[in-house]
Amino acid sequence: MTNMNSCELVTYISSIACFLSKNCSTEELEMLAAIFSQLGDTLATILVNEANCPCDDQSVSNI
């Protein structure tokens, strides 16, 4: 992944949001917002779990 400073990253993400808002319907924007919110939350959960759980990947497949 390309290294950007914080301001560059925020500007890049805001530009994408502005582009999407001009080119997608309200329904599409609502769905994208929900999808990306869930994606961010799920990635955060995975990272916290991996950092704090001594479990291995095998235990997940046995559920």
Protein backbone atom coordinates (compact mmCIF):
# COMPACT_ATOMS: atom_id res chain seq x y z
CA MET A 1 0.00 0.00 0.00
CA THR A 2 1.25 3.45 -0.85
CA ASN A 3 2.45 5.45 2.14
CA MET A 4 0.48 8.67 2.55
CA ASN A 5 0.58 11.11 5.39
CA SER A 6 -2.64 11.56 7.38
CA CYS A 7 -3.78 14.67 5.53
CA GLU A 8 -3.22 13.08 2.13
CA LEU A 9 -5.15 9.98 3.18
CA VAL A 10 -8.10 12.02 4.49
CA THR A 11 -8.15 14.11 1.31
CA TYR A 12 -8.05 10.99 -0.87
CA ILE A 13 -10.92 9.33 1.02
CA SER A 14 -12.97 12.55 0.95
CA SER A 15 -12.43 12.83 -2.80
CA ILE A 16 -13.72 9.29 -3.29
CA ALA A 17 -16.77 10.08 -1.12
CA CYS A 18 -17.52 13.22 -3.14
CA PHE A 19 -17.17 11.31 -6.42
CA LEU A 20 -19.49 8.56 -5.22
CA SER A 21 -22.06 11.07 -3.93
CA LYS A 22 -22.24 12.67 -7.38
CA ASN A 23 -22.43 9.39 -9.31
CA CYS A 24 -24.54 7.04 -7.18
CA SER A 25 -28.18 7.03 -6.17
CA THR A 26 -29.26 7.59 -2.59
CA GLU A 27 -30.02 3.88 -2.27
CA GLU A 28 -26.56 2.94 -3.57
CA LEU A 29 -24.89 5.39 -1.19
CA GLU A 30 -26.84 4.00 1.75
CA MET A 31 -25.77 0.47 0.85
CA LEU A 32 -22.12 1.48 0.35
CA ALA A 33 -22.10 3.30 3.70
CA ALA A 34 -23.52 0.26 5.47
CA ILE A 35 -21.09 -2.11 3.73
CA PHE A 36 -18.01 -0.03 4.50
CA SER A 37 -19.10 0.51 8.11
CA GLN A 38 -19.50 -3.23 8.59
CA LEU A 39 -16.20 -3.88 6.81
CA GLY A 40 -14.35 -1.47 9.10
CA ASP A 41 -15.97 -2.88 12.23
CA THR A 42 -15.26 -6.46 11.16
CA LEU A 43 -11.60 -5.71 10.38
CA ALA A 44 -11.22 -3.99 13.77
CA THR A 45 -12.77 -7.00 15.51
CA ILE A 46 -10.44 -9.40 13.69
CA LEU A 47 -7.35 -7.33 14.54
CA VAL A 48 -8.28 -7.00 18.22
CA ASN A 49 -9.07 -10.69 18.46
CA GLU A 50 -5.80 -11.72 16.81
CA ALA A 51 -3.83 -9.41 19.09
CA ASN A 52 -5.50 -10.64 22.27
CA CYS A 53 -6.51 -14.25 21.70
CA PRO A 54 -4.02 -17.11 21.97
CA CYS A 55 -6.37 -19.16 19.78
CA ASP A 56 -5.22 -20.64 16.50
CA ASP A 57 -7.14 -20.61 13.22
CA GLN A 58 -8.07 -24.29 13.62
CA SER A 59 -10.45 -23.54 16.50
CA VAL A 60 -12.56 -21.30 14.25
CA SER A 61 -13.11 -24.03 11.68
CA ASN A 62 -14.47 -26.36 14.38
CA ILE A 63 -17.40 -24.08 15.20
